[in-house]
Amino acid sequence: MQIVYNLVMMDMESSYDNHNEEFNIGFFSSRSIAEKTAAKYQQEVNGFKDYPVTYQIKEKNIINASITQLDVFIIYGWNENDELDEIDVVESDCYSSMEEAKTQLHEMKKRFHRKEWCIDKYRIDKCYWQEGFEKVFR
């Protein structure tokens, strides 16, 4: 089984109760690459450098990984609060194919009662949210 490192950054000011304002930056082939990416975002990328943003690196197993694994598939399930923010989020391990992820999605739906579900595809060592973010204050 192969491991990838999922870098998730969180805007502390916009998180509340059971909702975390998170940005999934990507899945990386090493913890070192994920840490360097987090540091770069906190120093150079709009929003991430401007607000109290923290990060978390989660080790994720790739089920049935190949030596030349380029993409991973992950399942997310969630509910929504009155503000339509995602809460009660559950996520799977990573899968090496969409077919495996679809099979596991059916199993997760039986175990976890969530309103919304998706399968996302990520390229290993690719950064997402490259343009950063802006806050709109009312």
N, C-alpha and C. Protein backbone atom coordinates (compact mmCIF):
# COMPACT_ATOMS: atom_id res chain seq x y z
N MET A 1 0.84 -1.18 0.00
CA MET A 1 0.00 0.00 0.00
C MET A 1 0.89 1.25 0.00
N GLN A 2 0.56 2.19 -0.84
CA GLN A 2 1.32 3.42 -0.96
C GLN A 2 0.61 4.53 -0.17
N ILE A 3 1.36 5.51 0.28
CA ILE A 3 0.81 6.63 1.04
C ILE A 3 1.03 7.93 0.28
N VAL A 4 0.04 8.82 0.31
CA VAL A 4 0.19 10.18 -0.18
C VAL A 4 -0.13 11.12 0.99
N TYR A 5 0.26 12.36 0.84
CA TYR A 5 0.12 13.34 1.90
C TYR A 5 -0.80 14.45 1.42
N ASN A 6 -1.95 14.55 2.07
CA ASN A 6 -3.00 15.50 1.68
C ASN A 6 -2.81 16.80 2.46
N LEU A 7 -2.53 17.89 1.75
CA LEU A 7 -2.36 19.20 2.35
C LEU A 7 -3.69 19.95 2.31
N VAL A 8 -4.20 20.25 3.50
CA VAL A 8 -5.44 21.01 3.64
C VAL A 8 -5.13 22.25 4.45
N MET A 9 -5.52 23.42 3.93
CA MET A 9 -5.30 24.67 4.65
C MET A 9 -6.66 25.15 5.15
N MET A 10 -6.65 25.77 6.34
CA MET A 10 -7.91 26.18 6.96
C MET A 10 -7.85 27.64 7.37
N ASP A 11 -8.89 28.39 6.98
CA ASP A 11 -9.04 29.79 7.38
C ASP A 11 -9.73 29.80 8.74
N MET A 12 -8.98 30.12 9.77
CA MET A 12 -9.50 30.08 11.14
C MET A 12 -10.61 31.10 11.38
N GLU A 13 -10.52 32.28 10.77
CA GLU A 13 -11.52 33.32 10.99
C GLU A 13 -12.88 32.95 10.42
N SER A 14 -12.90 32.14 9.36
CA SER A 14 -14.17 31.79 8.71
C SER A 14 -14.71 30.44 9.17
N SER A 15 -14.01 29.78 10.06
CA SER A 15 -14.48 28.50 10.60
C SER A 15 -15.30 28.76 11.85
N TYR A 16 -16.34 27.97 12.04
CA TYR A 16 -17.19 28.14 13.20
C TYR A 16 -17.95 26.84 13.48
N ASP A 17 -18.40 26.69 14.71
CA ASP A 17 -19.19 25.53 15.15
C ASP A 17 -18.65 24.24 14.53
N ASN A 18 -19.45 23.60 13.70
CA ASN A 18 -19.10 22.33 13.09
C ASN A 18 -18.60 22.50 11.65
N HIS A 19 -18.28 23.74 11.26
CA HIS A 19 -17.82 24.02 9.89
C HIS A 19 -16.39 24.54 9.91
N ASN A 20 -15.53 23.92 9.10
CA ASN A 20 -14.17 24.40 8.91
C ASN A 20 -14.05 24.91 7.48
N GLU A 21 -13.59 26.13 7.34
CA GLU A 21 -13.37 26.70 6.00
C GLU A 21 -12.04 26.18 5.49
N GLU A 22 -12.10 25.10 4.73
CA GLU A 22 -10.89 24.39 4.31
C GLU A 22 -10.67 24.50 2.80
N PHE A 23 -9.40 24.47 2.44
CA PHE A 23 -8.98 24.49 1.05
C PHE A 23 -8.09 23.27 0.83
N ASN A 24 -8.54 22.37 -0.01
CA ASN A 24 -7.76 21.16 -0.30
C ASN A 24 -6.73 21.54 -1.35
N ILE A 25 -5.50 21.70 -0.93
CA ILE A 25 -4.43 22.15 -1.82
C ILE A 25 -3.97 21.02 -2.74
N GLY A 26 -3.95 19.79 -2.25
CA GLY A 26 -3.57 18.68 -3.11
C GLY A 26 -3.03 17.50 -2.34
N PHE A 27 -2.67 16.48 -3.10
CA PHE A 27 -2.10 15.24 -2.57
C PHE A 27 -0.67 15.15 -3.08
N PHE A 28 0.27 14.90 -2.16
CA PHE A 28 1.68 14.96 -2.50
C PHE A 28 2.38 13.64 -2.21
N SER A 29 3.43 13.39 -2.98
CA SER A 29 4.15 12.12 -2.88
C SER A 29 5.04 12.02 -1.64
N SER A 30 5.30 13.15 -0.97
CA SER A 30 6.08 13.11 0.27
C SER A 30 5.60 14.19 1.22
N ARG A 31 5.83 13.97 2.50
CA ARG A 31 5.49 14.96 3.52
C ARG A 31 6.31 16.24 3.30
N SER A 32 7.55 16.08 2.89
CA SER A 32 8.42 17.23 2.66
C SER A 32 7.85 18.16 1.57
N ILE A 33 7.37 17.59 0.49
CA ILE A 33 6.79 18.40 -0.59
C ILE A 33 5.54 19.12 -0.07
N ALA A 34 4.71 18.41 0.70
CA ALA A 34 3.50 19.03 1.25
C ALA A 34 3.86 20.18 2.19
N GLU A 35 4.87 20.00 3.05
CA GLU A 35 5.28 21.06 3.97
C GLU A 35 5.84 22.27 3.24
N LYS A 36 6.66 22.03 2.23
CA LYS A 36 7.21 23.14 1.44
C LYS A 36 6.10 23.89 0.70
N THR A 37 5.11 23.16 0.23
CA THR A 37 3.98 23.79 -0.45
C THR A 37 3.19 24.65 0.52
N ALA A 38 2.94 24.15 1.73
CA ALA A 38 2.22 24.92 2.75
C ALA A 38 2.96 26.21 3.07
N ALA A 39 4.27 26.13 3.24
CA ALA A 39 5.07 27.31 3.54
C ALA A 39 5.00 28.33 2.40
N LYS A 40 5.05 27.84 1.17
CA LYS A 40 4.97 28.74 0.01
C LYS A 40 3.62 29.44 -0.02
N TYR A 41 2.54 28.71 0.22
CA TYR A 41 1.21 29.32 0.23
C TYR A 41 1.11 30.38 1.32
N GLN A 42 1.62 30.08 2.51
CA GLN A 42 1.52 31.03 3.62
C GLN A 42 2.39 32.27 3.40
N GLN A 43 3.38 32.18 2.53
CA GLN A 43 4.26 33.32 2.28
C GLN A 43 3.93 34.07 1.00
N GLU A 44 3.34 33.39 -0.01
CA GLU A 44 3.24 34.00 -1.33
C GLU A 44 1.84 34.09 -1.94
N VAL A 45 0.90 33.26 -1.52
CA VAL A 45 -0.39 33.17 -2.22
C VAL A 45 -1.44 34.02 -1.51
N ASN A 46 -2.11 34.89 -2.30
CA ASN A 46 -3.12 35.79 -1.76
C ASN A 46 -4.15 35.03 -0.93
N GLY A 47 -4.54 35.66 0.17
CA GLY A 47 -5.49 35.06 1.10
C GLY A 47 -4.78 34.19 2.11
N PHE A 48 -4.03 33.21 1.63
CA PHE A 48 -3.31 32.32 2.53
C PHE A 48 -2.22 33.07 3.29
N LYS A 49 -1.64 34.08 2.68
CA LYS A 49 -0.59 34.87 3.34
C LYS A 49 -1.17 36.05 4.12
N ASP A 50 -2.44 36.37 3.87
CA ASP A 50 -3.04 37.58 4.42
C ASP A 50 -3.89 37.35 5.67
N TYR A 51 -4.30 36.13 5.91
CA TYR A 51 -5.20 35.82 7.01
C TYR A 51 -4.60 34.70 7.88
N PRO A 52 -5.14 34.51 9.08
CA PRO A 52 -4.61 33.45 9.96
C PRO A 52 -5.02 32.05 9.46
N VAL A 53 -4.26 31.57 8.51
CA VAL A 53 -4.53 30.28 7.88
C VAL A 53 -3.54 29.25 8.44
N THR A 54 -4.07 28.13 8.88
CA THR A 54 -3.24 27.04 9.35
C THR A 54 -3.30 25.91 8.33
N TYR A 55 -2.50 24.89 8.54
CA TYR A 55 -2.57 23.75 7.63
C TYR A 55 -2.46 22.45 8.38
N GLN A 56 -2.93 21.41 7.71
CA GLN A 56 -2.85 20.05 8.23
C GLN A 56 -2.40 19.16 7.08
N ILE A 57 -1.52 18.22 7.38
CA ILE A 57 -1.09 17.24 6.39
C ILE A 57 -1.56 15.88 6.88
N LYS A 58 -2.44 15.26 6.10
CA LYS A 58 -3.00 13.96 6.48
C LYS A 58 -2.39 12.87 5.61
N GLU A 59 -1.92 11.82 6.25
CA GLU A 59 -1.46 10.65 5.50
C GLU A 59 -2.67 9.89 5.00
N LYS A 60 -2.68 9.59 3.71
CA LYS A 60 -3.80 8.86 3.11
C LYS A 60 -3.25 7.64 2.38
N ASN A 61 -3.83 6.50 2.66
CA ASN A 61 -3.47 5.27 1.96
C ASN A 61 -4.07 5.28 0.56
N ILE A 62 -3.31 4.74 -0.40
CA ILE A 62 -3.86 4.50 -1.74
C ILE A 62 -4.12 3.01 -1.84
N ILE A 63 -5.38 2.65 -1.97
CA ILE A 63 -5.77 1.25 -2.08
C ILE A 63 -5.42 0.75 -3.48
N ASN A 64 -4.71 -0.37 -3.56
CA ASN A 64 -4.30 -0.99 -4.83
C ASN A 64 -3.45 -0.06 -5.70
N ALA A 65 -2.54 0.64 -5.08
CA ALA A 65 -1.69 1.59 -5.82
C ALA A 65 -0.72 0.86 -6.72
N SER A 66 -0.42 1.52 -7.84
CA SER A 66 0.63 1.01 -8.72
C SER A 66 1.90 1.83 -8.48
N ILE A 67 3.01 1.32 -8.91
CA ILE A 67 4.28 2.01 -8.71
C ILE A 67 4.30 3.37 -9.42
N THR A 68 3.61 3.46 -10.54
CA THR A 68 3.60 4.70 -11.32
C THR A 68 2.31 5.49 -11.14
N GLN A 69 1.74 5.42 -9.95
CA GLN A 69 0.46 6.09 -9.67
C GLN A 69 0.57 7.59 -9.91
N LEU A 70 -0.28 8.14 -10.78
CA LEU A 70 -0.29 9.57 -11.06
C LEU A 70 -1.51 10.28 -10.48
N ASP A 71 -2.65 9.58 -10.47
CA ASP A 71 -3.90 10.15 -10.00
C ASP A 71 -4.46 9.32 -8.85
N VAL A 72 -5.20 9.98 -7.97
CA VAL A 72 -5.92 9.28 -6.91
C VAL A 72 -7.37 9.76 -6.91
N PHE A 73 -8.24 8.91 -6.42
CA PHE A 73 -9.66 9.20 -6.32
C PHE A 73 -10.06 9.09 -4.86
N ILE A 74 -10.83 10.05 -4.39
CA ILE A 74 -11.24 10.07 -2.98
C ILE A 74 -12.72 10.42 -2.91
N ILE A 75 -13.38 9.81 -1.94
CA ILE A 75 -14.82 10.00 -1.75
C ILE A 75 -15.04 10.95 -0.57
N TYR A 76 -15.94 11.90 -0.76
CA TYR A 76 -16.35 12.81 0.31
C TYR A 76 -17.86 12.72 0.47
N GLY A 77 -18.30 12.74 1.73
CA GLY A 77 -19.72 12.84 2.04
C GLY A 77 -19.91 13.94 3.06
N TRP A 78 -21.02 14.67 3.00
CA TRP A 78 -21.23 15.77 3.94
C TRP A 78 -22.71 16.13 4.05
N ASN A 79 -23.02 16.84 5.10
CA ASN A 79 -24.31 17.48 5.28
C ASN A 79 -24.09 18.98 5.14
N GLU A 80 -25.18 19.73 5.14
CA GLU A 80 -25.08 21.18 5.06
C GLU A 80 -25.82 21.80 6.24
N ASN A 81 -25.27 22.91 6.76
CA ASN A 81 -25.97 23.63 7.82
C ASN A 81 -26.91 24.66 7.19
N ASP A 82 -27.53 25.49 8.03
CA ASP A 82 -28.48 26.49 7.53
C ASP A 82 -27.84 27.52 6.61
N GLU A 83 -26.50 27.69 6.74
CA GLU A 83 -25.77 28.63 5.89
C GLU A 83 -25.30 27.98 4.59
N LEU A 84 -25.66 26.71 4.40
CA LEU A 84 -25.26 25.89 3.25
C LEU A 84 -23.76 25.58 3.24
N ASP A 85 -23.14 25.65 4.42
CA ASP A 85 -21.74 25.27 4.57
C ASP A 85 -21.67 23.77 4.83
N GLU A 86 -20.57 23.16 4.39
CA GLU A 86 -20.38 21.72 4.58
C GLU A 86 -20.04 21.41 6.03
N ILE A 87 -20.77 20.44 6.60
CA ILE A 87 -20.51 19.98 7.97
C ILE A 87 -20.56 18.46 7.98
N ASP A 88 -20.12 17.85 9.06
CA ASP A 88 -20.15 16.39 9.22
C ASP A 88 -19.46 15.67 8.06
N VAL A 89 -18.35 16.19 7.62
CA VAL A 89 -17.65 15.66 6.45
C VAL A 89 -16.98 14.32 6.79
N VAL A 90 -17.17 13.35 5.90
CA VAL A 90 -16.45 12.08 5.98
C VAL A 90 -15.68 11.92 4.68
N GLU A 91 -14.53 11.24 4.76
CA GLU A 91 -13.74 11.01 3.55
C GLU A 91 -13.13 9.62 3.61
N SER A 92 -12.88 9.11 2.44
CA SER A 92 -12.35 7.75 2.31
C SER A 92 -10.82 7.77 2.23
N ASP A 93 -10.25 6.57 2.15
CA ASP A 93 -8.87 6.45 1.70
C ASP A 93 -8.84 6.87 0.24
N CYS A 94 -7.69 6.86 -0.36
CA CYS A 94 -7.57 7.14 -1.79
C CYS A 94 -7.64 5.82 -2.56
N TYR A 95 -8.14 5.89 -3.76
CA TYR A 95 -8.24 4.73 -4.63
C TYR A 95 -7.49 5.00 -5.92
N SER A 96 -7.00 3.93 -6.52
CA SER A 96 -6.20 4.08 -7.73
C SER A 96 -7.04 4.16 -8.99
N SER A 97 -8.34 3.87 -8.89
CA SER A 97 -9.20 3.96 -10.07
C SER A 97 -10.58 4.46 -9.69
N MET A 98 -11.26 5.03 -10.66
CA MET A 98 -12.62 5.51 -10.46
C MET A 98 -13.55 4.33 -10.16
N GLU A 99 -13.31 3.20 -10.78
CA GLU A 99 -14.16 2.03 -10.57
C GLU A 99 -14.11 1.59 -9.10
N GLU A 100 -12.90 1.54 -8.52
CA GLU A 100 -12.77 1.18 -7.11
C GLU A 100 -13.48 2.18 -6.22
N ALA A 101 -13.34 3.46 -6.53
CA ALA A 101 -13.98 4.50 -5.74
C ALA A 101 -15.51 4.38 -5.82
N LYS A 102 -16.04 4.10 -7.00
CA LYS A 102 -17.49 3.95 -7.14
C LYS A 102 -18.01 2.78 -6.31
N THR A 103 -17.27 1.69 -6.30
CA THR A 103 -17.66 0.53 -5.49
C THR A 103 -17.67 0.90 -4.01
N GLN A 104 -16.64 1.59 -3.56
CA GLN A 104 -16.56 1.99 -2.15
C GLN A 104 -17.61 3.04 -1.81
N LEU A 105 -17.98 3.89 -2.75
CA LEU A 105 -19.01 4.91 -2.50
C LEU A 105 -20.30 4.25 -2.04
N HIS A 106 -20.69 3.16 -2.68
CA HIS A 106 -21.92 2.46 -2.29
C HIS A 106 -21.83 1.95 -0.86
N GLU A 107 -20.66 1.44 -0.48
CA GLU A 107 -20.46 0.95 0.88
C GLU A 107 -20.50 2.09 1.90
N MET A 108 -19.88 3.22 1.56
CA MET A 108 -19.87 4.36 2.47
C MET A 108 -21.27 4.92 2.67
N LYS A 109 -22.07 4.93 1.62
CA LYS A 109 -23.44 5.44 1.74
C LYS A 109 -24.26 4.59 2.71
N LYS A 110 -23.95 3.32 2.79
CA LYS A 110 -24.65 2.43 3.74
C LYS A 110 -24.22 2.73 5.18
N ARG A 111 -22.93 3.05 5.38
CA ARG A 111 -22.38 3.27 6.72
C ARG A 111 -22.62 4.68 7.26
N PHE A 112 -22.56 5.66 6.39
CA PHE A 112 -22.66 7.07 6.81
C PHE A 112 -23.86 7.71 6.14
N HIS A 113 -24.71 8.29 6.94
CA HIS A 113 -25.89 8.97 6.40
C HIS A 113 -25.54 10.44 6.16
N ARG A 114 -25.23 10.74 4.92
CA ARG A 114 -24.89 12.10 4.53
C ARG A 114 -25.79 12.51 3.36
N LYS A 115 -26.06 13.80 3.27
CA LYS A 115 -26.95 14.31 2.22
C LYS A 115 -26.26 14.36 0.87
N GLU A 116 -25.00 14.76 0.85
CA GLU A 116 -24.26 14.96 -0.40
C GLU A 116 -23.06 14.03 -0.46
N TRP A 117 -22.73 13.60 -1.67
CA TRP A 117 -21.57 12.72 -1.91
C TRP A 117 -20.89 13.12 -3.21
N CYS A 118 -19.58 12.90 -3.27
CA CYS A 118 -18.85 13.08 -4.52
C CYS A 118 -17.59 12.23 -4.52
N ILE A 119 -17.08 11.99 -5.70
CA ILE A 119 -15.77 11.38 -5.89
C ILE A 119 -14.92 12.41 -6.61
N ASP A 120 -13.79 12.78 -6.02
CA ASP A 120 -12.88 13.74 -6.64
C ASP A 120 -11.63 13.03 -7.13
N LYS A 121 -11.09 13.55 -8.21
CA LYS A 121 -9.85 13.03 -8.78
C LYS A 121 -8.76 14.08 -8.59
N TYR A 122 -7.62 13.65 -8.11
CA TYR A 122 -6.48 14.54 -7.89
C TYR A 122 -5.23 13.97 -8.55
N ARG A 123 -4.45 14.83 -9.16
CA ARG A 123 -3.15 14.47 -9.68
C ARG A 123 -2.14 14.63 -8.56
N ILE A 124 -1.36 13.61 -8.30
CA ILE A 124 -0.35 13.65 -7.23
C ILE A 124 0.70 14.72 -7.57
N ASP A 125 1.04 15.53 -6.58
CA ASP A 125 2.02 16.62 -6.66
C ASP A 125 1.53 17.82 -7.47
N LYS A 126 0.24 17.92 -7.70
CA LYS A 126 -0.33 19.10 -8.36
C LYS A 126 -1.00 19.96 -7.30
N CYS A 127 -0.79 21.27 -7.37
CA CYS A 127 -1.42 22.21 -6.44
C CYS A 127 -2.75 22.69 -6.98
N TYR A 128 -3.74 22.75 -6.10
CA TYR A 128 -5.04 23.31 -6.42
C TYR A 128 -5.18 24.60 -5.63
N TRP A 129 -6.18 25.38 -5.91
CA TRP A 129 -6.36 26.70 -5.27
C TRP A 129 -5.14 27.58 -5.50
N GLN A 130 -4.60 27.56 -6.69
CA GLN A 130 -3.38 28.30 -6.98
C GLN A 130 -3.57 29.81 -6.97
N GLU A 131 -4.77 30.27 -7.21
CA GLU A 131 -5.02 31.71 -7.26
C GLU A 131 -5.32 32.31 -5.89
N GLY A 132 -5.37 31.48 -4.84
CA GLY A 132 -5.64 31.98 -3.51
C GLY A 132 -7.12 32.27 -3.30
N PHE A 133 -7.42 33.19 -2.38
CA PHE A 133 -8.81 33.54 -2.12
C PHE A 133 -8.88 34.96 -1.58
N GLU A 134 -10.07 35.54 -1.66
CA GLU A 134 -10.34 36.85 -1.10
C GLU A 134 -11.56 36.75 -0.19
N LYS A 135 -11.58 37.57 0.83
CA LYS A 135 -12.74 37.62 1.71
C LYS A 135 -13.57 38.83 1.35
N VAL A 136 -14.87 38.66 1.41
CA VAL A 136 -15.78 39.76 1.19
C VAL A 136 -16.46 40.05 2.53
N PHE A 137 -16.26 41.22 3.06
CA PHE A 137 -16.84 41.58 4.34
C PHE A 137 -18.11 42.39 4.10
N ARG A 138 -19.14 42.05 4.87
CA ARG A 138 -20.43 42.75 4.72
C ARG A 138 -20.65 43.70 5.86
